[in-house]
Amino acid sequence: MVQGAAVQLREVMVNLIFNAVEAMQEGGSITIRTSTNAHGAELQISDTGSGMTQEVKRQISVPFFTTKHSGTGLGLSMVYGVMQRHGGRVDIISSPGEGTTVSLLFPRFPISG
């Protein structure tokens, strides 16, 4: 079980899915997976899009950084901020031409009852 602000977590999901769609200009697929372990829960969003270079990957959490022709450059910095406020973290695996996997890692919260 994870604990969080539903509106913020929904915004994170919408943002990541829109980014995945935009990275697949010529089509592709998006896969969403969830898993749990002793430390918490993980939600992964993977796409078969264009992927990112290491230079782009280093800057994606910086507010106003964007590689898009339109957009504010605030989406992924918002994702990082929400995950930080929820005690979680964001891991990204991406290579040019290989797609991207964004993992949202949430700490486990005890179930009361």
PDB file of N, CA and C in Angstrom:
ATOM      1  N   MET A   1       0.844  -1.166   0.000  1.00  0.00           N
ATOM      2  CA  MET A   1       0.000   0.000   0.000  1.00  0.00           C
ATOM      3  C   MET A   1       0.898   1.240   0.000  1.00  0.00           C
ATOM      4  N   VAL A   2       0.506   2.241  -0.777  1.00  0.00           N
ATOM      5  CA  VAL A   2       1.197   3.525  -0.753  1.00  0.00           C
ATOM      6  C   VAL A   2       0.208   4.580  -0.308  1.00  0.00           C
ATOM      7  N   GLN A   3       0.743   5.657   0.192  1.00  0.00           N
ATOM      8  CA  GLN A   3      -0.085   6.744   0.666  1.00  0.00           C
ATOM      9  C   GLN A   3       0.289   7.974  -0.152  1.00  0.00           C
ATOM     10  N   GLY A   4      -0.735   8.730  -0.584  1.00  0.00           N
ATOM     11  CA  GLY A   4      -0.420   9.919  -1.358  1.00  0.00           C
ATOM     12  C   GLY A   4      -1.638  10.744  -1.698  1.00  0.00           C
ATOM     13  N   ALA A   5      -1.369  11.882  -2.293  1.00  0.00           N
ATOM     14  CA  ALA A   5      -2.415  12.795  -2.736  1.00  0.00           C
ATOM     15  C   ALA A   5      -2.859  12.355  -4.131  1.00  0.00           C
ATOM     16  N   ALA A   6      -4.081  11.856  -4.228  1.00  0.00           N
ATOM     17  CA  ALA A   6      -4.580  11.278  -5.479  1.00  0.00           C
ATOM     18  C   ALA A   6      -4.489  12.251  -6.651  1.00  0.00           C
ATOM     19  N   VAL A   7      -4.829  13.505  -6.434  1.00  0.00           N
ATOM     20  CA  VAL A   7      -4.798  14.487  -7.527  1.00  0.00           C
ATOM     21  C   VAL A   7      -3.378  14.649  -8.054  1.00  0.00           C
ATOM     22  N   GLN A   8      -2.406  14.739  -7.165  1.00  0.00           N
ATOM     23  CA  GLN A   8      -1.016  14.901  -7.588  1.00  0.00           C
ATOM     24  C   GLN A   8      -0.502  13.654  -8.297  1.00  0.00           C
ATOM     25  N   LEU A   9      -0.831  12.496  -7.777  1.00  0.00           N
ATOM     26  CA  LEU A   9      -0.367  11.255  -8.394  1.00  0.00           C
ATOM     27  C   LEU A   9      -1.023  11.046  -9.756  1.00  0.00           C
ATOM     28  N   ARG A  10      -2.268  11.439  -9.907  1.00  0.00           N
ATOM     29  CA  ARG A  10      -2.944  11.370 -11.201  1.00  0.00           C
ATOM     30  C   ARG A  10      -2.254  12.292 -12.200  1.00  0.00           C
ATOM     31  N   GLU A  11      -1.872  13.486 -11.761  1.00  0.00           N
ATOM     32  CA  GLU A  11      -1.181  14.432 -12.624  1.00  0.00           C
ATOM     33  C   GLU A  11       0.174  13.869 -13.077  1.00  0.00           C
ATOM     34  N   VAL A  12       0.871  13.194 -12.182  1.00  0.00           N
ATOM     35  CA  VAL A  12       2.135  12.542 -12.532  1.00  0.00           C
ATOM     36  C   VAL A  12       1.904  11.516 -13.641  1.00  0.00           C
ATOM     37  N   MET A  13       0.904  10.657 -13.459  1.00  0.00           N
ATOM     38  CA  MET A  13       0.604   9.620 -14.453  1.00  0.00           C
ATOM     39  C   MET A  13       0.237  10.225 -15.807  1.00  0.00           C
ATOM     40  N   VAL A  14      -0.648  11.210 -15.798  1.00  0.00           N
ATOM     41  CA  VAL A  14      -1.072  11.850 -17.049  1.00  0.00           C
ATOM     42  C   VAL A  14       0.138  12.457 -17.752  1.00  0.00           C
ATOM     43  N   ASN A  15       0.982  13.140 -17.004  1.00  0.00           N
ATOM     44  CA  ASN A  15       2.155  13.767 -17.583  1.00  0.00           C
ATOM     45  C   ASN A  15       3.078  12.733 -18.227  1.00  0.00           C
ATOM     46  N   LEU A  16       3.349  11.646 -17.527  1.00  0.00           N
ATOM     47  CA  LEU A  16       4.246  10.625 -18.060  1.00  0.00           C
ATOM     48  C   LEU A  16       3.658   9.929 -19.284  1.00  0.00           C
ATOM     49  N   ILE A  17       2.359   9.696 -19.284  1.00  0.00           N
ATOM     50  CA  ILE A  17       1.723   9.058 -20.445  1.00  0.00           C
ATOM     51  C   ILE A  17       1.738  10.007 -21.637  1.00  0.00           C
ATOM     52  N   PHE A  18       1.441  11.292 -21.445  1.00  0.00           N
ATOM     53  CA  PHE A  18       1.519  12.261 -22.547  1.00  0.00           C
ATOM     54  C   PHE A  18       2.933  12.337 -23.100  1.00  0.00           C
ATOM     55  N   ASN A  19       3.942  12.348 -22.223  1.00  0.00           N
ATOM     56  CA  ASN A  19       5.330  12.370 -22.695  1.00  0.00           C
ATOM     57  C   ASN A  19       5.631  11.136 -23.538  1.00  0.00           C
ATOM     58  N   ALA A  20       5.151   9.983 -23.107  1.00  0.00           N
ATOM     59  CA  ALA A  20       5.380   8.750 -23.857  1.00  0.00           C
ATOM     60  C   ALA A  20       4.724   8.827 -25.228  1.00  0.00           C
ATOM     61  N   VAL A  21       3.497   9.322 -25.285  1.00  0.00           N
ATOM     62  CA  VAL A  21       2.799   9.454 -26.565  1.00  0.00           C
ATOM     63  C   VAL A  21       3.567  10.401 -27.491  1.00  0.00           C
ATOM     64  N   GLU A  22       4.027  11.522 -26.957  1.00  0.00           N
ATOM     65  CA  GLU A  22       4.761  12.489 -27.768  1.00  0.00           C
ATOM     66  C   GLU A  22       6.097  11.944 -28.258  1.00  0.00           C
ATOM     67  N   ALA A  23       6.684  11.000 -27.535  1.00  0.00           N
ATOM     68  CA  ALA A  23       7.957  10.408 -27.945  1.00  0.00           C
ATOM     69  C   ALA A  23       7.784   9.374 -29.054  1.00  0.00           C
ATOM     70  N   MET A  24       6.532   9.013 -29.347  1.00  0.00           N
ATOM     71  CA  MET A  24       6.258   7.984 -30.358  1.00  0.00           C
ATOM     72  C   MET A  24       5.537   8.611 -31.547  1.00  0.00           C
ATOM     73  N   GLN A  25       6.190   9.525 -32.215  1.00  0.00           N
ATOM     74  CA  GLN A  25       5.589  10.241 -33.336  1.00  0.00           C
ATOM     75  C   GLN A  25       5.109   9.314 -34.450  1.00  0.00           C
ATOM     76  N   GLU A  26       5.747   8.185 -34.602  1.00  0.00           N
ATOM     77  CA  GLU A  26       5.381   7.256 -35.672  1.00  0.00           C
ATOM     78  C   GLU A  26       4.709   6.001 -35.134  1.00  0.00           C
ATOM     79  N   GLY A  27       4.105   6.105 -33.958  1.00  0.00           N
ATOM     80  CA  GLY A  27       3.422   4.969 -33.363  1.00  0.00           C
ATOM     81  C   GLY A  27       4.332   4.203 -32.415  1.00  0.00           C
ATOM     82  N   GLY A  28       3.760   3.245 -31.762  1.00  0.00           N
ATOM     83  CA  GLY A  28       4.508   2.448 -30.799  1.00  0.00           C
ATOM     84  C   GLY A  28       3.580   1.932 -29.726  1.00  0.00           C
ATOM     85  N   SER A  29       4.166   1.573 -28.595  1.00  0.00           N
ATOM     86  CA  SER A  29       3.336   1.055 -27.502  1.00  0.00           C
ATOM     87  C   SER A  29       3.807   1.613 -26.168  1.00  0.00           C
ATOM     88  N   ILE A  30       2.847   1.691 -25.259  1.00  0.00           N
ATOM     89  CA  ILE A  30       3.094   2.109 -23.881  1.00  0.00           C
ATOM     90  C   ILE A  30       2.713   0.936 -22.995  1.00  0.00           C
ATOM     91  N   THR A  31       3.579   0.603 -22.072  1.00  0.00           N
ATOM     92  CA  THR A  31       3.312  -0.481 -21.131  1.00  0.00           C
ATOM     93  C   THR A  31       3.365   0.086 -19.721  1.00  0.00           C
ATOM     94  N   ILE A  32       2.359  -0.238 -18.923  1.00  0.00           N
ATOM     95  CA  ILE A  32       2.309   0.185 -17.525  1.00  0.00           C
ATOM     96  C   ILE A  32       2.357  -1.065 -16.661  1.00  0.00           C
ATOM     97  N   ARG A  33       3.306  -1.078 -15.724  1.00  0.00           N
ATOM     98  CA  ARG A  33       3.475  -2.232 -14.837  1.00  0.00           C
ATOM     99  C   ARG A  33       3.508  -1.756 -13.390  1.00  0.00           C
ATOM    100  N   THR A  34       3.073  -2.607 -12.496  1.00  0.00           N
ATOM    101  CA  THR A  34       3.204  -2.331 -11.067  1.00  0.00           C
ATOM    102  C   THR A  34       3.805  -3.559 -10.394  1.00  0.00           C
ATOM    103  N   SER A  35       4.501  -3.319  -9.302  1.00  0.00           N
ATOM    104  CA  SER A  35       5.039  -4.423  -8.508  1.00  0.00           C
ATOM    105  C   SER A  35       5.261  -3.921  -7.087  1.00  0.00           C
ATOM    106  N   THR A  36       5.428  -4.860  -6.181  1.00  0.00           N
ATOM    107  CA  THR A  36       5.727  -4.516  -4.796  1.00  0.00           C
ATOM    108  C   THR A  36       6.874  -5.386  -4.309  1.00  0.00           C
ATOM    109  N   ASN A  37       7.552  -4.893  -3.282  1.00  0.00           N
ATOM    110  CA  ASN A  37       8.566  -5.685  -2.593  1.00  0.00           C
ATOM    111  C   ASN A  37       8.573  -5.234  -1.141  1.00  0.00           C
ATOM    112  N   ALA A  38       9.522  -5.687  -0.374  1.00  0.00           N
ATOM    113  CA  ALA A  38       9.561  -5.364   1.055  1.00  0.00           C
ATOM    114  C   ALA A  38       9.738  -3.876   1.322  1.00  0.00           C
ATOM    115  N   HIS A  39      10.280  -3.151   0.364  1.00  0.00           N
ATOM    116  CA  HIS A  39      10.564  -1.730   0.565  1.00  0.00           C
ATOM    117  C   HIS A  39       9.436  -0.810   0.114  1.00  0.00           C
ATOM    118  N   GLY A  40       8.571  -1.272  -0.786  1.00  0.00           N
ATOM    119  CA  GLY A  40       7.499  -0.412  -1.253  1.00  0.00           C
ATOM    120  C   GLY A  40       6.905  -0.891  -2.557  1.00  0.00           C
ATOM    121  N   ALA A  41       6.381   0.064  -3.305  1.00  0.00           N
ATOM    122  CA  ALA A  41       5.705  -0.236  -4.563  1.00  0.00           C
ATOM    123  C   ALA A  41       6.407   0.488  -5.704  1.00  0.00           C
ATOM    124  N   GLU A  42       6.321  -0.112  -6.879  1.00  0.00           N
ATOM    125  CA  GLU A  42       6.913   0.492  -8.070  1.00  0.00           C
ATOM    126  C   GLU A  42       5.876   0.529  -9.171  1.00  0.00           C
ATOM    127  N   LEU A  43       5.816   1.653  -9.849  1.00  0.00           N
ATOM    128  CA  LEU A  43       4.978   1.807 -11.023  1.00  0.00           C
ATOM    129  C   LEU A  43       5.902   2.178 -12.169  1.00  0.00           C
ATOM    130  N   GLN A  44       5.856   1.410 -13.257  1.00  0.00           N
ATOM    131  CA  GLN A  44       6.695   1.675 -14.422  1.00  0.00           C
ATOM    132  C   GLN A  44       5.833   2.033 -15.611  1.00  0.00           C
ATOM    133  N   ILE A  45       6.272   3.062 -16.329  1.00  0.00           N
ATOM    134  CA  ILE A  45       5.659   3.420 -17.599  1.00  0.00           C
ATOM    135  C   ILE A  45       6.765   3.349 -18.641  1.00  0.00           C
ATOM    136  N   SER A  46       6.597   2.447 -19.613  1.00  0.00           N
ATOM    137  CA  SER A  46       7.596   2.251 -20.667  1.00  0.00           C
ATOM    138  C   SER A  46       6.990   2.594 -22.011  1.00  0.00           C
ATOM    139  N   ASP A  47       7.811   3.193 -22.880  1.00  0.00           N
ATOM    140  CA  ASP A  47       7.363   3.457 -24.236  1.00  0.00           C
ATOM    141  C   ASP A  47       8.415   2.974 -25.226  1.00  0.00           C
ATOM    142  N   THR A  48       8.013   2.808 -26.462  1.00  0.00           N
ATOM    143  CA  THR A  48       8.912   2.387 -27.527  1.00  0.00           C
ATOM    144  C   THR A  48       9.281   3.578 -28.406  1.00  0.00           C
ATOM    145  N   GLY A  49       9.325   4.747 -27.805  1.00  0.00           N
ATOM    146  CA  GLY A  49       9.582   5.981 -28.539  1.00  0.00           C
ATOM    147  C   GLY A  49      11.040   6.236 -28.834  1.00  0.00           C
ATOM    148  N   SER A  50      11.331   7.509 -29.068  1.00  0.00           N
ATOM    149  CA  SER A  50      12.648   7.922 -29.548  1.00  0.00           C
ATOM    150  C   SER A  50      13.753   7.812 -28.502  1.00  0.00           C
ATOM    151  N   GLY A  51      13.422   7.759 -27.238  1.00  0.00           N
ATOM    152  CA  GLY A  51      14.435   7.663 -26.187  1.00  0.00           C
ATOM    153  C   GLY A  51      15.156   8.990 -25.981  1.00  0.00           C
ATOM    154  N   MET A  52      16.098   8.998 -25.051  1.00  0.00           N
ATOM    155  CA  MET A  52      16.824  10.220 -24.708  1.00  0.00           C
ATOM    156  C   MET A  52      18.322   9.959 -24.673  1.00  0.00           C
ATOM    157  N   THR A  53      19.078  10.984 -25.010  1.00  0.00           N
ATOM    158  CA  THR A  53      20.522  10.924 -24.834  1.00  0.00           C
ATOM    159  C   THR A  53      20.840  11.098 -23.352  1.00  0.00           C
ATOM    160  N   GLN A  54      22.056  10.776 -22.956  1.00  0.00           N
ATOM    161  CA  GLN A  54      22.462  10.971 -21.560  1.00  0.00           C
ATOM    162  C   GLN A  54      22.425  12.457 -21.191  1.00  0.00           C
ATOM    163  N   GLU A  55      22.785  13.329 -22.117  1.00  0.00           N
ATOM    164  CA  GLU A  55      22.762  14.775 -21.846  1.00  0.00           C
ATOM    165  C   GLU A  55      21.338  15.247 -21.543  1.00  0.00           C
ATOM    166  N   VAL A  56      20.366  14.828 -22.346  1.00  0.00           N
ATOM    167  CA  VAL A  56      18.965  15.194 -22.100  1.00  0.00           C
ATOM    168  C   VAL A  56      18.510  14.596 -20.777  1.00  0.00           C
ATOM    169  N   LYS A  57      18.843  13.348 -20.536  1.00  0.00           N
ATOM    170  CA  LYS A  57      18.426  12.675 -19.305  1.00  0.00           C
ATOM    171  C   LYS A  57      18.939  13.405 -18.060  1.00  0.00           C
ATOM    172  N   ARG A  58      20.152  13.957 -18.132  1.00  0.00           N
ATOM    173  CA  ARG A  58      20.713  14.694 -16.990  1.00  0.00           C
ATOM    174  C   ARG A  58      19.932  15.971 -16.682  1.00  0.00           C
ATOM    175  N   GLN A  59      19.253  16.539 -17.678  1.00  0.00           N
ATOM    176  CA  GLN A  59      18.608  17.834 -17.498  1.00  0.00           C
ATOM    177  C   GLN A  59      17.089  17.778 -17.335  1.00  0.00           C
ATOM    178  N   ILE A  60      16.490  16.607 -17.462  1.00  0.00           N
ATOM    179  CA  ILE A  60      15.034  16.552 -17.522  1.00  0.00           C
ATOM    180  C   ILE A  60      14.318  16.985 -16.252  1.00  0.00           C
ATOM    181  N   SER A  61      14.986  16.967 -15.113  1.00  0.00           N
ATOM    182  CA  SER A  61      14.315  17.406 -13.882  1.00  0.00           C
ATOM    183  C   SER A  61      14.472  18.911 -13.651  1.00  0.00           C
ATOM    184  N   VAL A  62      15.203  19.584 -14.525  1.00  0.00           N
ATOM    185  CA  VAL A  62      15.430  21.024 -14.396  1.00  0.00           C
ATOM    186  C   VAL A  62      14.199  21.771 -14.908  1.00  0.00           C
ATOM    187  N   PRO A  63      13.603  22.634 -14.068  1.00  0.00           N
ATOM    188  CA  PRO A  63      12.425  23.390 -14.538  1.00  0.00           C
ATOM    189  C   PRO A  63      12.736  24.189 -15.799  1.00  0.00           C
ATOM    190  N   PHE A  64      11.799  24.185 -16.727  1.00  0.00           N
ATOM    191  CA  PHE A  64      11.823  24.920 -17.993  1.00  0.00           C
ATOM    192  C   PHE A  64      12.735  24.302 -19.051  1.00  0.00           C
ATOM    193  N   PHE A  65      13.400  23.177 -18.757  1.00  0.00           N
ATOM    194  CA  PHE A  65      14.177  22.480 -19.789  1.00  0.00           C
ATOM    195  C   PHE A  65      13.203  21.668 -20.628  1.00  0.00           C
ATOM    196  N   THR A  66      13.282  21.806 -21.942  1.00  0.00           N
ATOM    197  CA  THR A  66      12.430  21.031 -22.828  1.00  0.00           C
ATOM    198  C   THR A  66      13.150  20.757 -24.133  1.00  0.00           C
ATOM    199  N   THR A  67      12.793  19.664 -24.772  1.00  0.00           N
ATOM    200  CA  THR A  67      13.286  19.353 -26.105  1.00  0.00           C
ATOM    201  C   THR A  67      12.151  19.479 -27.121  1.00  0.00           C
ATOM    202  N   LYS A  68      10.983  19.905 -26.657  1.00  0.00           N
ATOM    203  CA  LYS A  68       9.799  19.994 -27.504  1.00  0.00           C
ATOM    204  C   LYS A  68       9.665  21.393 -28.096  1.00  0.00           C
ATOM    205  N   HIS A  69       8.973  21.456 -29.230  1.00  0.00           N
ATOM    206  CA  HIS A  69       8.718  22.755 -29.860  1.00  0.00           C
ATOM    207  C   HIS A  69       7.679  23.550 -29.090  1.00  0.00           C
ATOM    208  N   SER A  70       6.760  22.852 -28.466  1.00  0.00           N
ATOM    209  CA  SER A  70       5.787  23.522 -27.606  1.00  0.00           C
ATOM    210  C   SER A  70       5.813  22.814 -26.257  1.00  0.00           C
ATOM    211  N   GLY A  71       5.491  23.524 -25.237  1.00  0.00           N
ATOM    212  CA  GLY A  71       5.526  22.957 -23.897  1.00  0.00           C
ATOM    213  C   GLY A  71       6.312  23.868 -22.978  1.00  0.00           C
ATOM    214  N   THR A  72       6.106  23.675 -21.696  1.00  0.00           N
ATOM    215  CA  THR A  72       6.699  24.585 -20.715  1.00  0.00           C
ATOM    216  C   THR A  72       8.009  24.077 -20.140  1.00  0.00           C
ATOM    217  N   GLY A  73       8.274  22.786 -20.260  1.00  0.00           N
ATOM    218  CA  GLY A  73       9.457  22.233 -19.623  1.00  0.00           C
ATOM    219  C   GLY A  73       9.269  22.025 -18.132  1.00  0.00           C
ATOM    220  N   LEU A  74       8.020  22.005 -17.687  1.00  0.00           N
ATOM    221  CA  LEU A  74       7.752  21.835 -16.262  1.00  0.00           C
ATOM    222  C   LEU A  74       7.255  20.435 -15.912  1.00  0.00           C
ATOM    223  N   GLY A  75       6.884  19.642 -16.899  1.00  0.00           N
ATOM    224  CA  GLY A  75       6.263  18.348 -16.635  1.00  0.00           C
ATOM    225  C   GLY A  75       7.101  17.408 -15.797  1.00  0.00           C
ATOM    226  N   LEU A  76       8.305  17.111 -16.226  1.00  0.00           N
ATOM    227  CA  LEU A  76       9.120  16.153 -15.482  1.00  0.00           C
ATOM    228  C   LEU A  76       9.665  16.738 -14.194  1.00  0.00           C
ATOM    229  N   SER A  77       9.892  18.045 -14.156  1.00  0.00           N
ATOM    230  CA  SER A  77      10.315  18.629 -12.873  1.00  0.00           C
ATOM    231  C   SER A  77       9.170  18.523 -11.862  1.00  0.00           C
ATOM    232  N   MET A  78       7.915  18.635 -12.333  1.00  0.00           N
ATOM    233  CA  MET A  78       6.759  18.443 -11.463  1.00  0.00           C
ATOM    234  C   MET A  78       6.698  16.996 -10.974  1.00  0.00           C
ATOM    235  N   VAL A  79       6.968  16.044 -11.868  1.00  0.00           N
ATOM    236  CA  VAL A  79       6.973  14.630 -11.487  1.00  0.00           C
ATOM    237  C   VAL A  79       7.994  14.399 -10.372  1.00  0.00           C
ATOM    238  N   TYR A  80       9.211  14.922 -10.548  1.00  0.00           N
ATOM    239  CA  TYR A  80      10.239  14.766  -9.521  1.00  0.00           C
ATOM    240  C   TYR A  80       9.796  15.400  -8.197  1.00  0.00           C
ATOM    241  N   GLY A  81       9.194  16.596  -8.262  1.00  0.00           N
ATOM    242  CA  GLY A  81       8.746  17.275  -7.045  1.00  0.00           C
ATOM    243  C   GLY A  81       7.667  16.498  -6.307  1.00  0.00           C
ATOM    244  N   VAL A  82       6.684  15.988  -7.036  1.00  0.00           N
ATOM    245  CA  VAL A  82       5.604  15.217  -6.412  1.00  0.00           C
ATOM    246  C   VAL A  82       6.173  13.952  -5.766  1.00  0.00           C
ATOM    247  N   MET A  83       7.044  13.271  -6.469  1.00  0.00           N
ATOM    248  CA  MET A  83       7.608  12.039  -5.910  1.00  0.00           C
ATOM    249  C   MET A  83       8.449  12.335  -4.670  1.00  0.00           C
ATOM    250  N   GLN A  84       9.169  13.428  -4.684  1.00  0.00           N
ATOM    251  CA  GLN A  84       9.960  13.807  -3.510  1.00  0.00           C
ATOM    252  C   GLN A  84       9.044  14.092  -2.324  1.00  0.00           C
ATOM    253  N   ARG A  85       7.943  14.813  -2.568  1.00  0.00           N
ATOM    254  CA  ARG A  85       7.002  15.113  -1.476  1.00  0.00           C
ATOM    255  C   ARG A  85       6.328  13.852  -0.944  1.00  0.00           C
ATOM    256  N   HIS A  86       6.250  12.818  -1.763  1.00  0.00           N
ATOM    257  CA  HIS A  86       5.643  11.555  -1.345  1.00  0.00           C
ATOM    258  C   HIS A  86       6.686  10.583  -0.786  1.00  0.00           C
ATOM    259  N   GLY A  87       7.913  11.041  -0.618  1.00  0.00           N
ATOM    260  CA  GLY A  87       8.955  10.191  -0.059  1.00  0.00           C
ATOM    261  C   GLY A  87       9.484   9.151  -1.031  1.00  0.00           C
ATOM    262  N   GLY A  88       9.179   9.320  -2.310  1.00  0.00           N
ATOM    263  CA  GLY A  88       9.590   8.346  -3.318  1.00  0.00           C
ATOM    264  C   GLY A  88      10.719   8.870  -4.182  1.00  0.00           C
ATOM    265  N   ARG A  89      10.963   8.140  -5.248  1.00  0.00           N
ATOM    266  CA  ARG A  89      11.992   8.577  -6.187  1.00  0.00           C
ATOM    267  C   ARG A  89      11.601   8.183  -7.606  1.00  0.00           C
ATOM    268  N   VAL A  90      12.311   8.785  -8.543  1.00  0.00           N
ATOM    269  CA  VAL A  90      12.086   8.532  -9.965  1.00  0.00           C
ATOM    270  C   VAL A  90      13.379   7.971 -10.544  1.00  0.00           C
ATOM    271  N   ASP A  91      13.283   6.858 -11.245  1.00  0.00           N
ATOM    272  CA  ASP A  91      14.413   6.297 -11.988  1.00  0.00           C
ATOM    273  C   ASP A  91      14.026   6.256 -13.459  1.00  0.00           C
ATOM    274  N   ILE A  92      14.955   6.639 -14.324  1.00  0.00           N
ATOM    275  CA  ILE A  92      14.677   6.647 -15.762  1.00  0.00           C
ATOM    276  C   ILE A  92      15.764   5.889 -16.492  1.00  0.00           C
ATOM    277  N   ILE A  93      15.333   4.952 -17.319  1.00  0.00           N
ATOM    278  CA  ILE A  93      16.230   4.221 -18.202  1.00  0.00           C
ATOM    279  C   ILE A  93      15.821   4.583 -19.621  1.00  0.00           C
ATOM    280  N   SER A  94      16.776   5.109 -20.394  1.00  0.00           N
ATOM    281  CA  SER A  94      16.455   5.541 -21.745  1.00  0.00           C
ATOM    282  C   SER A  94      17.712   5.592 -22.594  1.00  0.00           C
ATOM    283  N   SER A  95      17.566   5.248 -23.858  1.00  0.00           N
ATOM    284  CA  SER A  95      18.637   5.362 -24.837  1.00  0.00           C
ATOM    285  C   SER A  95      18.014   5.798 -26.158  1.00  0.00           C
ATOM    286  N   PRO A  96      18.731   6.599 -26.936  1.00  0.00           N
ATOM    287  CA  PRO A  96      18.196   7.015 -28.234  1.00  0.00           C
ATOM    288  C   PRO A  96      17.798   5.816 -29.086  1.00  0.00           C
ATOM    289  N   GLY A  97      16.587   5.864 -29.616  1.00  0.00           N
ATOM    290  CA  GLY A  97      16.077   4.795 -30.458  1.00  0.00           C
ATOM    291  C   GLY A  97      15.611   3.561 -29.714  1.00  0.00           C
ATOM    292  N   GLU A  98      15.737   3.544 -28.396  1.00  0.00           N
ATOM    293  CA  GLU A  98      15.393   2.357 -27.605  1.00  0.00           C
ATOM    294  C   GLU A  98      14.185   2.562 -26.695  1.00  0.00           C
ATOM    295  N   GLY A  99      13.604   3.755 -26.694  1.00  0.00           N
ATOM    296  CA  GLY A  99      12.476   4.007 -25.813  1.00  0.00           C
ATOM    297  C   GLY A  99      12.917   4.424 -24.421  1.00  0.00           C
ATOM    298  N   THR A 100      11.928   4.567 -23.548  1.00  0.00           N
ATOM    299  CA  THR A 100      12.165   5.062 -22.194  1.00  0.00           C
ATOM    300  C   THR A 100      11.310   4.279 -21.204  1.00  0.00           C
ATOM    301  N   THR A 101      11.878   4.007 -20.043  1.00  0.00           N
ATOM    302  CA  THR A 101      11.121   3.449 -18.923  1.00  0.00           C
ATOM    303  C   THR A 101      11.301   4.377 -17.736  1.00  0.00           C
ATOM    304  N   VAL A 102      10.179   4.879 -17.222  1.00  0.00           N
ATOM    305  CA  VAL A 102      10.183   5.716 -16.023  1.00  0.00           C
ATOM    306  C   VAL A 102       9.624   4.869 -14.890  1.00  0.00           C
ATOM    307  N   SER A 103      10.406   4.740 -13.824  1.00  0.00           N
ATOM    308  CA  SER A 103       9.968   3.986 -12.646  1.00  0.00           C
ATOM    309  C   SER A 103       9.708   4.949 -11.507  1.00  0.00           C
ATOM    310  N   LEU A 104       8.519   4.858 -10.947  1.00  0.00           N
ATOM    311  CA  LEU A 104       8.146   5.633  -9.766  1.00  0.00           C
ATOM    312  C   LEU A 104       8.206   4.671  -8.588  1.00  0.00           C
ATOM    313  N   LEU A 105       9.079   4.970  -7.637  1.00  0.00           N
ATOM    314  CA  LEU A 105       9.298   4.077  -6.504  1.00  0.00           C
ATOM    315  C   LEU A 105       8.733   4.725  -5.246  1.00  0.00           C
ATOM    316  N   PHE A 106       7.743   4.089  -4.660  1.00  0.00           N
ATOM    317  CA  PHE A 106       7.041   4.599  -3.477  1.00  0.00           C
ATOM    318  C   PHE A 106       7.423   3.790  -2.261  1.00  0.00           C
ATOM    319  N   PRO A 107       7.662   4.459  -1.132  1.00  0.00           N
ATOM    320  CA  PRO A 107       7.932   3.699   0.094  1.00  0.00           C
ATOM    321  C   PRO A 107       6.661   2.991   0.566  1.00  0.00           C
ATOM    322  N   ARG A 108       6.844   1.884   1.243  1.00  0.00           N
ATOM    323  CA  ARG A 108       5.707   1.140   1.797  1.00  0.00           C
ATOM    324  C   ARG A 108       5.253   1.823   3.080  1.00  0.00           C
ATOM    325  N   PHE A 109       3.956   1.953   3.203  1.00  0.00           N
ATOM    326  CA  PHE A 109       3.376   2.505   4.436  1.00  0.00           C
ATOM    327  C   PHE A 109       2.650   1.375   5.140  1.00  0.00           C
ATOM    328  N   PRO A 110       2.751   1.324   6.453  1.00  0.00           N
ATOM    329  CA  PRO A 110       2.061   0.237   7.161  1.00  0.00           C
ATOM    330  C   PRO A 110       0.541   0.368   7.040  1.00  0.00           C
ATOM    331  N   ILE A 111      -0.104  -0.769   6.975  1.00  0.00           N
ATOM    332  CA  ILE A 111      -1.571  -0.813   6.933  1.00  0.00           C
ATOM    333  C   ILE A 111      -2.062  -0.863   8.366  1.00  0.00           C
ATOM    334  N   SER A 112      -2.853   0.129   8.729  1.00  0.00           N
ATOM    335  CA  SER A 112      -3.376   0.133  10.093  1.00  0.00           C
ATOM    336  C   SER A 112      -4.700  -0.616  10.128  1.00  0.00           C
ATOM    337  N   GLY A 113      -5.031  -1.140  11.240  1.00  0.00           N
ATOM    338  CA  GLY A 113      -6.312  -1.785  11.288  1.00  0.00           C
ATOM    339  C   GLY A 113      -6.374  -2.808  12.311  1.00  0.00           C
TER     340      GLY A 113
END
